[in-house]
Amino acid sequence: MEFLLPAKAAWWFLPFVTPICVWVAWNDMAFMKIPNKAVMALFAVYLVIGPIAFPLELWLWQWLNLVVVLAVGFVMNMAGGLGAGDAKFAAAAAPFVLVQDAASLLFLFAAVTLAAFATHRGAKHFAPLRNLVPDWASWTNRKFPMGFPLAGTLLIYLLLAIA
């Protein structure tokens, strides 16, 4: 899978995006919530680092991705297809993704989601691991913490662009 995001841009984003993605994945598994502060932090990273990572015109056009993904996420949330935090995080992540990479990113997201689901559900039944974080809400919630694969997809996308 090849992505068109320039490696230079991915290098600029990665150190700032990584801790936010870890925060989102952890918080969603622990509390079944993606904090608005994490979404705003990701938004701020694109706002501040984007003009360094991308040419100015591309940086401006990439904001359209946020609007489109937020609209789609809002509709999906209203239909019960995903949580509001998931929709907001996906929208905040959207400017980092080139439109030309969208189709490949959806395949990556599907693979990451399957792997995250299998890993999370397997870990739930593996006592030594589960006992490390016994109070995670996601262990007993029937819903799956989508912040885990959403954050993982953004990180893997940036890493694959570097590779």
C-alpha atoms as a PDB file:
ATOM      1  CA  MET A   1       0.000   0.000   0.000  1.00  0.00           C
ATOM      2  CA  GLU A   2       1.535   3.253  -1.142  1.00  0.00           C
ATOM      3  CA  PHE A   3       0.467   6.678   0.039  1.00  0.00           C
ATOM      4  CA  LEU A   4       1.111  10.034  -1.623  1.00  0.00           C
ATOM      5  CA  LEU A   5       1.519  12.018   1.587  1.00  0.00           C
ATOM      6  CA  PRO A   6       5.084  13.398   1.424  1.00  0.00           C
ATOM      7  CA  ALA A   7       7.429  11.815   3.947  1.00  0.00           C
ATOM      8  CA  LYS A   8       8.547  15.313   4.969  1.00  0.00           C
ATOM      9  CA  ALA A   9       4.988  16.183   6.006  1.00  0.00           C
ATOM     10  CA  ALA A  10       4.572  12.902   7.880  1.00  0.00           C
ATOM     11  CA  TRP A  11       7.837  13.556   9.751  1.00  0.00           C
ATOM     12  CA  TRP A  12       6.586  16.990  10.781  1.00  0.00           C
ATOM     13  CA  PHE A  13       3.245  15.652  12.034  1.00  0.00           C
ATOM     14  CA  LEU A  14       4.342  12.403  13.683  1.00  0.00           C
ATOM     15  CA  PRO A  15       5.970  13.712  16.904  1.00  0.00           C
ATOM     16  CA  PHE A  16       2.921  15.857  17.692  1.00  0.00           C
ATOM     17  CA  VAL A  17       0.225  13.422  16.573  1.00  0.00           C
ATOM     18  CA  THR A  18       1.651  10.349  18.324  1.00  0.00           C
ATOM     19  CA  PRO A  19       0.972  11.350  21.947  1.00  0.00           C
ATOM     20  CA  ILE A  20      -2.514  12.564  21.006  1.00  0.00           C
ATOM     21  CA  CYS A  21      -3.323   9.255  19.316  1.00  0.00           C
ATOM     22  CA  VAL A  22      -2.043   7.273  22.313  1.00  0.00           C
ATOM     23  CA  TRP A  23      -4.169   9.497  24.576  1.00  0.00           C
ATOM     24  CA  VAL A  24      -7.257   8.954  22.411  1.00  0.00           C
ATOM     25  CA  ALA A  25      -6.843   5.179  22.163  1.00  0.00           C
ATOM     26  CA  TRP A  26      -6.133   4.790  25.886  1.00  0.00           C
ATOM     27  CA  ASN A  27      -8.949   7.073  26.994  1.00  0.00           C
ATOM     28  CA  ASP A  28     -11.475   5.414  24.711  1.00  0.00           C
ATOM     29  CA  MET A  29     -10.584   1.964  26.019  1.00  0.00           C
ATOM     30  CA  ALA A  30     -10.496   3.146  29.634  1.00  0.00           C
ATOM     31  CA  PHE A  31     -13.613   5.342  29.667  1.00  0.00           C
ATOM     32  CA  MET A  32     -15.345   4.758  26.303  1.00  0.00           C
ATOM     33  CA  LYS A  33     -14.911   8.476  25.575  1.00  0.00           C
ATOM     34  CA  ILE A  34     -12.632  10.532  23.370  1.00  0.00           C
ATOM     35  CA  PRO A  35     -11.882  13.788  25.192  1.00  0.00           C
ATOM     36  CA  ASN A  36     -12.772  16.998  23.371  1.00  0.00           C
ATOM     37  CA  LYS A  37      -9.367  18.306  24.512  1.00  0.00           C
ATOM     38  CA  ALA A  38      -7.688  15.556  22.494  1.00  0.00           C
ATOM     39  CA  VAL A  39      -9.737  16.460  19.415  1.00  0.00           C
ATOM     40  CA  MET A  40      -8.858  20.128  19.865  1.00  0.00           C
ATOM     41  CA  ALA A  41      -5.183  19.238  20.353  1.00  0.00           C
ATOM     42  CA  LEU A  42      -5.167  17.341  17.044  1.00  0.00           C
ATOM     43  CA  PHE A  43      -6.920  20.283  15.381  1.00  0.00           C
ATOM     44  CA  ALA A  44      -4.265  22.624  16.836  1.00  0.00           C
ATOM     45  CA  VAL A  45      -1.427  20.446  15.543  1.00  0.00           C
ATOM     46  CA  TYR A  46      -2.755  20.728  11.998  1.00  0.00           C
ATOM     47  CA  LEU A  47      -3.383  24.444  12.441  1.00  0.00           C
ATOM     48  CA  VAL A  48       0.171  25.150  13.632  1.00  0.00           C
ATOM     49  CA  ILE A  49       2.310  22.441  11.982  1.00  0.00           C
ATOM     50  CA  GLY A  50       0.306  22.109   8.751  1.00  0.00           C
ATOM     51  CA  PRO A  51       1.688  25.304   7.163  1.00  0.00           C
ATOM     52  CA  ILE A  52       5.219  24.027   7.852  1.00  0.00           C
ATOM     53  CA  ALA A  53       4.517  20.508   6.582  1.00  0.00           C
ATOM     54  CA  PHE A  54       2.490  21.446   3.491  1.00  0.00           C
ATOM     55  CA  PRO A  55       2.631  24.186   0.890  1.00  0.00           C
ATOM     56  CA  LEU A  56       0.195  26.932   1.931  1.00  0.00           C
ATOM     57  CA  GLU A  57      -2.376  26.235  -0.802  1.00  0.00           C
ATOM     58  CA  LEU A  58      -2.480  22.507   0.001  1.00  0.00           C
ATOM     59  CA  TRP A  59      -2.723  23.252   3.728  1.00  0.00           C
ATOM     60  CA  LEU A  60      -5.745  25.460   3.053  1.00  0.00           C
ATOM     61  CA  TRP A  61      -7.458  22.893   0.796  1.00  0.00           C
ATOM     62  CA  GLN A  62      -6.958  20.139   3.370  1.00  0.00           C
ATOM     63  CA  TRP A  63      -9.371  21.946   5.730  1.00  0.00           C
ATOM     64  CA  LEU A  64     -12.153  20.888   3.377  1.00  0.00           C
ATOM     65  CA  ASN A  65     -11.509  17.277   4.454  1.00  0.00           C
ATOM     66  CA  LEU A  66     -12.410  18.233   8.017  1.00  0.00           C
ATOM     67  CA  VAL A  67     -15.725  19.747   6.904  1.00  0.00           C
ATOM     68  CA  VAL A  68     -16.677  16.739   4.765  1.00  0.00           C
ATOM     69  CA  VAL A  69     -15.722  14.136   7.377  1.00  0.00           C
ATOM     70  CA  LEU A  70     -17.468  16.098  10.123  1.00  0.00           C
ATOM     71  CA  ALA A  71     -20.678  16.225   8.046  1.00  0.00           C
ATOM     72  CA  VAL A  72     -20.525  12.490   7.286  1.00  0.00           C
ATOM     73  CA  GLY A  73     -19.681  11.735  10.911  1.00  0.00           C
ATOM     74  CA  PHE A  74     -22.594  13.843  12.131  1.00  0.00           C
ATOM     75  CA  VAL A  75     -25.014  11.891   9.920  1.00  0.00           C
ATOM     76  CA  MET A  76     -23.500   8.565  11.013  1.00  0.00           C
ATOM     77  CA  ASN A  77     -23.755   9.623  14.664  1.00  0.00           C
ATOM     78  CA  MET A  78     -27.395  10.612  14.250  1.00  0.00           C
ATOM     79  CA  ALA A  79     -28.056   7.203  12.652  1.00  0.00           C
ATOM     80  CA  GLY A  80     -26.355   5.458  15.596  1.00  0.00           C
ATOM     81  CA  GLY A  81     -23.428   4.251  13.495  1.00  0.00           C
ATOM     82  CA  LEU A  82     -20.681   5.781  15.626  1.00  0.00           C
ATOM     83  CA  GLY A  83     -20.128   7.939  18.659  1.00  0.00           C
ATOM     84  CA  ALA A  84     -19.836  11.708  18.611  1.00  0.00           C
ATOM     85  CA  GLY A  85     -16.250  11.550  19.869  1.00  0.00           C
ATOM     86  CA  ASP A  86     -15.336   9.164  17.053  1.00  0.00           C
ATOM     87  CA  ALA A  87     -16.880  11.536  14.497  1.00  0.00           C
ATOM     88  CA  LYS A  88     -15.061  14.551  15.940  1.00  0.00           C
ATOM     89  CA  PHE A  89     -11.724  12.733  16.105  1.00  0.00           C
ATOM     90  CA  ALA A  90     -12.078  11.477  12.518  1.00  0.00           C
ATOM     91  CA  ALA A  91     -12.887  15.028  11.387  1.00  0.00           C
ATOM     92  CA  ALA A  92      -9.860  16.461  13.210  1.00  0.00           C
ATOM     93  CA  ALA A  93      -7.669  13.752  11.650  1.00  0.00           C
ATOM     94  CA  ALA A  94      -9.018  14.294   8.128  1.00  0.00           C
ATOM     95  CA  PRO A  95      -6.824  17.290   7.172  1.00  0.00           C
ATOM     96  CA  PHE A  96      -3.717  15.161   7.697  1.00  0.00           C
ATOM     97  CA  VAL A  97      -4.879  12.791   4.922  1.00  0.00           C
ATOM     98  CA  LEU A  98      -4.498  13.682   1.260  1.00  0.00           C
ATOM     99  CA  VAL A  99      -7.674  13.199  -0.786  1.00  0.00           C
ATOM    100  CA  GLN A 100      -5.686  11.011  -3.194  1.00  0.00           C
ATOM    101  CA  ASP A 101      -4.948   8.664  -0.278  1.00  0.00           C
ATOM    102  CA  ALA A 102      -8.576   8.377   0.895  1.00  0.00           C
ATOM    103  CA  ALA A 103      -9.438   5.079  -0.815  1.00  0.00           C
ATOM    104  CA  SER A 104      -6.253   3.371   0.395  1.00  0.00           C
ATOM    105  CA  LEU A 105      -6.805   4.844   3.841  1.00  0.00           C
ATOM    106  CA  LEU A 106     -10.238   3.215   4.020  1.00  0.00           C
ATOM    107  CA  PHE A 107      -8.646  -0.176   3.334  1.00  0.00           C
ATOM    108  CA  LEU A 108      -6.009   0.558   5.976  1.00  0.00           C
ATOM    109  CA  PHE A 109      -8.740   1.591   8.428  1.00  0.00           C
ATOM    110  CA  ALA A 110     -10.622  -1.660   7.783  1.00  0.00           C
ATOM    111  CA  ALA A 111      -7.491  -3.731   8.435  1.00  0.00           C
ATOM    112  CA  VAL A 112      -6.568  -1.756  11.543  1.00  0.00           C
ATOM    113  CA  THR A 113     -10.130  -2.013  12.867  1.00  0.00           C
ATOM    114  CA  LEU A 114     -10.168  -5.797  12.439  1.00  0.00           C
ATOM    115  CA  ALA A 115      -6.757  -6.121  14.109  1.00  0.00           C
ATOM    116  CA  ALA A 116      -7.741  -3.758  16.943  1.00  0.00           C
ATOM    117  CA  PHE A 117     -11.005  -5.609  17.517  1.00  0.00           C
ATOM    118  CA  ALA A 118      -9.297  -9.013  17.615  1.00  0.00           C
ATOM    119  CA  THR A 119      -6.531  -7.694  19.875  1.00  0.00           C
ATOM    120  CA  HIS A 120      -8.903  -5.938  22.272  1.00  0.00           C
ATOM    121  CA  ARG A 121     -11.350  -8.821  22.515  1.00  0.00           C
ATOM    122  CA  GLY A 122      -8.499 -11.316  22.897  1.00  0.00           C
ATOM    123  CA  ALA A 123      -6.825  -9.224  25.607  1.00  0.00           C
ATOM    124  CA  LYS A 124     -10.135  -9.034  27.428  1.00  0.00           C
ATOM    125  CA  HIS A 125      -9.909 -12.791  28.046  1.00  0.00           C
ATOM    126  CA  PHE A 126      -6.160 -12.860  28.814  1.00  0.00           C
ATOM    127  CA  ALA A 127      -6.009 -12.372  32.588  1.00  0.00           C
ATOM    128  CA  PRO A 128      -2.367 -11.206  32.897  1.00  0.00           C
ATOM    129  CA  LEU A 129      -3.011  -8.351  30.464  1.00  0.00           C
ATOM    130  CA  ARG A 130      -6.510  -7.538  31.621  1.00  0.00           C
ATOM    131  CA  ASN A 131      -5.341  -7.366  35.229  1.00  0.00           C
ATOM    132  CA  LEU A 132      -2.946  -4.544  34.294  1.00  0.00           C
ATOM    133  CA  VAL A 133      -5.964  -2.302  33.558  1.00  0.00           C
ATOM    134  CA  PRO A 134      -8.886  -4.058  35.265  1.00  0.00           C
ATOM    135  CA  ASP A 135     -11.125  -1.000  35.395  1.00  0.00           C
ATOM    136  CA  TRP A 136     -11.248  -0.250  31.661  1.00  0.00           C
ATOM    137  CA  ALA A 137     -14.855   0.384  30.695  1.00  0.00           C
ATOM    138  CA  SER A 138     -14.300  -1.263  27.312  1.00  0.00           C
ATOM    139  CA  TRP A 139     -13.810  -4.687  28.924  1.00  0.00           C
ATOM    140  CA  THR A 140     -17.478  -4.879  29.862  1.00  0.00           C
ATOM    141  CA  ASN A 141     -19.123  -2.515  27.377  1.00  0.00           C
ATOM    142  CA  ARG A 142     -20.878  -4.188  24.455  1.00  0.00           C
ATOM    143  CA  LYS A 143     -19.689  -1.350  22.181  1.00  0.00           C
ATOM    144  CA  PHE A 144     -16.172  -1.297  20.790  1.00  0.00           C
ATOM    145  CA  PRO A 145     -13.869   1.694  21.500  1.00  0.00           C
ATOM    146  CA  MET A 146     -13.391   2.987  17.947  1.00  0.00           C
ATOM    147  CA  GLY A 147     -10.867   5.565  19.132  1.00  0.00           C
ATOM    148  CA  PHE A 148      -8.387   2.683  19.287  1.00  0.00           C
ATOM    149  CA  PRO A 149      -8.445   1.886  15.530  1.00  0.00           C
ATOM    150  CA  LEU A 150      -9.081   5.510  14.480  1.00  0.00           C
ATOM    151  CA  ALA A 151      -5.962   6.686  16.292  1.00  0.00           C
ATOM    152  CA  GLY A 152      -4.001   3.646  15.111  1.00  0.00           C
ATOM    153  CA  THR A 153      -4.979   4.283  11.511  1.00  0.00           C
ATOM    154  CA  LEU A 154      -3.729   7.879  11.612  1.00  0.00           C
ATOM    155  CA  LEU A 155      -0.418   6.798  13.149  1.00  0.00           C
ATOM    156  CA  ILE A 156       0.099   3.940  10.688  1.00  0.00           C
ATOM    157  CA  TYR A 157      -0.791   6.246   7.774  1.00  0.00           C
ATOM    158  CA  LEU A 158       1.942   8.684   8.821  1.00  0.00           C
ATOM    159  CA  LEU A 159       4.428   5.861   9.374  1.00  0.00           C
ATOM    160  CA  LEU A 160       3.677   4.304   5.961  1.00  0.00           C
ATOM    161  CA  ALA A 161       4.119   7.692   4.302  1.00  0.00           C
ATOM    162  CA  ILE A 162       7.581   7.878   5.886  1.00  0.00           C
ATOM    163  CA  ALA A 163       8.425   4.340   4.774  1.00  0.00           C
END
